[in-house]
Amino acid sequence: MSADPNPERGEVPIVLDRPRVIKITIASHRAYHERFGKSAQLTFHQNPMAYVDWFLWASLVHEDPTLDPSDMDRLIECAEGETLGDKLDYICGKLVIAQTWSQPTQTAPGSGEKKSPKT
C-alpha cells in the first residue's frame, strides 16, 4: 500500500489511531458476506450505522491483516469528532465514499469522461 491514498484505486484516507487508508475490496465483500450471510452493499445502504464496525474492519483489513473486528471499538474511539455520534458520522462518511468508489466507474453519457466521487 502506498503512503498516499489513490482515489483511482478506490483508496480513501481516514484518521483513526493513525492515518489509514480504507478500501472496499472483493475480500471485504466476501468477509462481510461470510459474517452476515448477506451483501455488504445492500446492508450498507439499508443501515450503515448498525454495522459500522464490520464495514470499517472490512475496509481496513487490506492494509493491516492483523486487525480483528474486535479492534474496531478502539479505532472508532480514536476517530475525529467530539461525541460518539460525530465519530460515527465521520467514519460513515468515509465508508460511503469508499463504497461508491468500489462500484464500476460511470461514464457521463456521450462524453467519454469518467466520473468519480470527491473526498
Protein backbone atom coordinates (compact mmCIF):
# COMPACT_ATOMS: atom_id res chain seq x y z
CA MET A 1 0.00 0.00 0.00
CA SER A 2 1.38 3.38 -0.94
CA ALA A 3 1.72 6.13 1.67
CA ASP A 4 -0.76 8.38 -0.13
CA PRO A 5 -4.28 7.14 -0.87
CA ASN A 6 -5.01 6.86 -4.57
CA PRO A 7 -8.63 7.60 -5.48
CA GLU A 8 -8.10 5.89 -8.84
CA ARG A 9 -7.65 2.65 -6.87
CA GLY A 10 -10.64 3.38 -4.63
CA GLU A 11 -8.49 4.33 -1.62
CA VAL A 12 -9.94 6.82 0.87
CA PRO A 13 -7.88 8.50 3.63
CA ILE A 14 -9.15 8.30 7.20
CA VAL A 15 -7.58 9.30 10.51
CA LEU A 16 -8.20 6.88 13.37
CA ASP A 17 -5.42 5.78 15.70
CA ARG A 18 -3.13 6.93 12.88
CA PRO A 19 -3.64 7.91 9.26
CA ARG A 20 -5.05 4.89 7.46
CA VAL A 21 -6.49 4.05 4.06
CA ILE A 22 -9.87 2.42 3.67
CA LYS A 23 -10.76 0.46 0.57
CA ILE A 24 -13.61 -1.87 -0.24
CA THR A 25 -12.26 -4.98 -1.98
CA ILE A 26 -13.61 -8.31 -3.15
CA ALA A 27 -12.15 -9.81 0.02
CA SER A 28 -14.03 -7.17 2.05
CA HIS A 29 -17.32 -8.18 0.49
CA ARG A 30 -16.55 -11.88 0.97
CA ALA A 31 -15.64 -11.46 4.66
CA TYR A 32 -18.80 -9.44 5.27
CA HIS A 33 -20.98 -11.98 3.47
CA GLU A 34 -19.42 -14.84 5.47
CA ARG A 35 -20.18 -12.99 8.72
CA PHE A 36 -23.71 -11.78 7.99
CA GLY A 37 -24.91 -14.04 5.18
CA LYS A 38 -25.90 -11.08 3.04
CA SER A 39 -24.46 -8.48 0.73
CA ALA A 40 -22.39 -5.74 2.32
CA GLN A 41 -23.59 -3.30 -0.32
CA LEU A 42 -27.26 -4.00 0.37
CA THR A 43 -26.84 -3.84 4.15
CA PHE A 44 -24.72 -0.70 3.95
CA HIS A 45 -27.37 1.19 2.01
CA GLN A 46 -30.11 0.00 4.39
CA ASN A 47 -28.44 0.89 7.70
CA PRO A 48 -24.71 1.76 7.71
CA MET A 49 -24.62 2.84 11.38
CA ALA A 50 -25.76 -0.57 12.62
CA TYR A 51 -22.79 -2.31 11.02
CA VAL A 52 -20.14 0.43 11.06
CA ASP A 53 -17.64 -1.70 13.00
CA TRP A 54 -17.83 -4.51 10.44
CA PHE A 55 -17.68 -2.17 7.46
CA LEU A 56 -14.69 -0.41 9.00
CA TRP A 57 -12.88 -3.69 9.64
CA ALA A 58 -13.61 -4.96 6.13
CA SER A 59 -12.29 -1.73 4.60
CA LEU A 60 -9.07 -1.70 6.67
CA VAL A 61 -8.01 -5.35 6.65
CA HIS A 62 -6.40 -4.91 3.20
CA GLU A 63 -3.69 -2.70 4.71
CA ASP A 64 -3.41 -4.46 8.09
CA PRO A 65 -4.31 -8.16 8.00
CA THR A 66 -3.64 -8.42 11.75
CA LEU A 67 -6.73 -6.32 12.52
CA ASP A 68 -9.59 -8.15 14.16
CA PRO A 69 -13.20 -6.95 14.20
CA SER A 70 -12.83 -6.59 17.99
CA ASP A 71 -10.21 -3.85 17.38
CA MET A 72 -12.80 -1.58 15.80
CA ASP A 73 -14.23 -0.20 19.07
CA ARG A 74 -10.80 1.21 19.88
CA LEU A 75 -10.34 2.63 16.39
CA ILE A 76 -13.80 4.21 16.39
CA GLU A 77 -12.97 5.95 19.69
CA CYS A 78 -9.86 7.42 18.01
CA ALA A 79 -11.81 8.93 15.10
CA GLU A 80 -12.21 12.66 14.60
CA GLY A 81 -15.13 14.18 16.49
CA GLU A 82 -16.16 15.20 19.97
CA THR A 83 -19.06 12.82 20.52
CA LEU A 84 -19.64 9.22 19.52
CA GLY A 85 -22.21 10.48 17.01
CA ASP A 86 -19.60 12.81 15.47
CA LYS A 87 -17.10 9.95 15.23
CA LEU A 88 -19.64 7.63 13.60
CA ASP A 89 -20.71 10.36 11.14
CA TYR A 90 -17.05 10.90 10.16
CA ILE A 91 -16.41 7.18 9.66
CA CYS A 92 -19.68 6.54 7.82
CA GLY A 93 -18.96 9.47 5.51
CA LYS A 94 -15.61 7.94 4.58
CA LEU A 95 -17.16 4.50 4.16
CA VAL A 96 -19.82 5.91 1.82
CA ILE A 97 -17.05 7.34 -0.37
CA ALA A 98 -15.16 4.02 -0.33
CA GLN A 99 -18.35 2.12 -1.15
CA THR A 100 -19.07 4.48 -4.04
CA TRP A 101 -15.54 4.13 -5.38
CA SER A 102 -15.79 0.34 -5.22
CA GLN A 103 -18.58 0.43 -7.80
CA PRO A 104 -17.84 0.25 -11.54
CA THR A 105 -16.70 3.56 -12.98
CA GLN A 106 -19.52 5.51 -14.54
CA THR A 107 -19.10 7.42 -17.77
CA ALA A 108 -21.08 10.56 -18.47
CA PRO A 109 -23.37 9.77 -21.42
CA GLY A 110 -21.82 10.86 -24.71
CA SER A 111 -18.78 12.49 -23.11
CA GLY A 112 -16.40 9.58 -22.59
CA GLU A 113 -15.43 11.34 -19.34
CA LYS A 114 -15.17 9.19 -16.22
CA LYS A 115 -16.88 10.44 -13.06
CA SER A 116 -15.57 9.77 -9.54
CA PRO A 117 -16.89 10.89 -6.15
CA LYS A 118 -15.00 13.57 -4.28
CA THR A 119 -13.48 13.11 -0.81
